[in-house]
Protein backbone atom coordinates (compact mmCIF):
# COMPACT_ATOMS: atom_id res chain seq x y z
CA MET A 1 33.10 -34.83 8.80
CA THR A 2 35.11 -32.12 9.19
CA ARG A 3 35.32 -28.77 8.42
CA THR A 4 39.09 -29.13 6.66
CA ASP A 5 37.38 -31.84 4.77
CA LEU A 6 34.60 -29.38 3.57
CA ALA A 7 37.35 -27.17 2.81
CA HIS A 8 39.07 -29.22 0.51
CA ALA A 9 35.80 -31.25 -1.34
CA PRO A 10 36.15 -30.75 -4.50
CA GLU A 11 33.32 -28.55 -6.12
CA GLU A 12 30.35 -29.39 -8.22
CA THR A 13 29.74 -28.00 -11.33
CA PRO A 14 26.81 -26.50 -11.05
CA PRO A 15 23.83 -27.35 -13.18
CA ALA A 16 22.69 -25.94 -15.76
CA LEU A 17 20.85 -23.20 -16.32
CA ASP A 18 17.86 -24.76 -18.61
CA THR A 19 17.67 -27.55 -15.71
CA LEU A 20 17.46 -24.97 -13.13
CA ILE A 21 14.54 -23.21 -15.10
CA GLU A 22 12.47 -27.01 -15.41
CA ARG A 23 13.36 -27.37 -11.82
CA LEU A 24 11.81 -23.74 -11.07
CA ALA A 25 9.19 -24.35 -13.28
CA VAL A 26 8.03 -27.55 -12.00
CA ALA A 27 8.27 -26.66 -8.41
CA VAL A 28 5.70 -23.14 -9.63
CA GLU A 29 2.63 -25.69 -11.06
CA ALA A 30 3.08 -27.93 -7.76
CA LEU A 31 2.29 -24.66 -5.55
CA THR A 32 -0.24 -22.96 -8.06
CA GLN A 33 -1.90 -26.52 -8.06
CA GLN A 34 -1.76 -26.75 -4.35
CA MET A 35 -3.33 -23.02 -3.67
CA ARG A 36 -7.11 -23.09 -4.47
CA PRO A 37 -9.02 -19.59 -4.09
CA VAL A 38 -10.94 -18.14 -1.81
CA ASP A 39 -14.45 -18.29 -1.03
CA PRO A 40 -15.57 -14.58 -0.75
CA GLU A 41 -17.82 -15.29 1.61
CA LEU A 42 -15.44 -16.75 4.04
CA GLN A 43 -12.64 -14.54 4.18
CA CYS A 44 -12.93 -12.80 8.02
CA TYR A 45 -11.39 -9.31 8.04
CA THR A 46 -9.93 -7.26 11.16
CA PRO A 47 -10.65 -4.05 12.39
CA ALA A 48 -7.84 -2.58 10.40
CA GLU A 49 -9.51 -4.45 6.77
CA ALA A 50 -12.83 -3.40 7.45
CA GLY A 51 -12.43 0.48 8.23
CA ASP A 52 -10.42 0.34 5.42
CA LEU A 53 -13.41 -1.01 3.07
CA LEU A 54 -15.93 0.96 5.20
CA ARG A 55 -13.60 4.35 4.93
CA LYS A 56 -13.82 4.68 8.40
CA THR A 57 -10.84 4.55 10.86
CA GLU A 58 -10.12 0.98 12.60
CA ASN A 59 -10.81 3.32 15.73
CA TRP A 60 -14.39 3.42 14.94
CA VAL A 61 -14.67 -0.03 13.64
CA VAL A 62 -13.70 -1.79 16.70
CA GLU A 63 -15.92 1.09 19.13
CA ALA A 64 -18.38 0.17 16.56
CA MET A 65 -18.40 -3.98 17.62
CA GLN A 66 -17.70 -3.16 21.21
CA ASP A 67 -21.07 -0.99 21.47
CA ARG A 68 -22.72 -3.29 19.13
CA ARG A 69 -23.69 -1.36 16.78
CA VAL A 70 -22.19 -3.58 14.28
CA PRO A 71 -22.12 -7.39 13.30
CA PHE A 72 -19.26 -8.91 14.34
CA THR A 73 -18.19 -12.41 14.46
CA TYR A 74 -15.39 -13.75 16.50
CA ILE A 75 -12.32 -16.03 15.68
CA GLY A 76 -11.06 -17.43 18.84
CA LYS A 77 -10.92 -14.24 20.65
CA SER A 78 -10.73 -11.92 17.74
CA PRO A 79 -13.19 -9.59 16.46
CA ARG A 80 -13.71 -9.71 13.25
CA MET A 81 -16.26 -8.64 10.32
CA THR A 82 -16.98 -11.15 7.23
CA SER A 83 -18.46 -9.95 4.00
CA ALA A 84 -22.23 -9.80 4.63
CA HIS A 85 -21.13 -7.74 8.47
CA ILE A 86 -19.85 -5.53 6.44
CA ARG A 87 -22.70 -5.15 3.67
CA TRP A 88 -25.32 -5.00 6.59
CA VAL A 89 -23.04 -1.95 7.73
CA LEU A 90 -23.48 -0.40 4.17
CA ALA A 91 -27.09 -1.47 4.17
CA ASN A 92 -28.40 -0.48 7.31
CA GLY A 93 -26.46 3.33 7.17
CA GLU A 94 -28.20 4.26 3.75
CA LEU A 95 -31.39 7.19 3.79
CA THR A 96 -34.06 6.91 1.66
CA PRO A 97 -34.42 10.97 0.48
CA GLY A 98 -38.38 10.49 0.68
CA ARG A 99 -38.60 10.06 4.62
CA TYR A 100 -35.95 12.65 5.47
CA ALA A 101 -36.55 15.36 2.58
CA LYS A 102 -38.23 18.49 3.48
CA SER A 103 -41.94 19.14 1.74
CA ALA A 104 -41.70 20.79 -1.51
CA ALA A 105 -44.75 23.52 0.16
């Protein structure tokens, strides 16, 4: 087939709008069946994403990982934090008032 054959090919009539909508609906349903919900405990966060969750900068998270002040894991060569790691950081940064409060004397 050459370009001239294509140029002179009779135009096909476009499919009806109803047919297109039906095909689109079938395709969307197939995609939704393929998608499965991600378990939040299995999700890993980049240092930038973890920084957003912790309200810290990406640089703070990276330095804390390098200094081994926070738990993290490697996925390949990339450091990542899981939900459990982020919860650990939040829990271990907590100060209890009774331990650090001034005495009422």
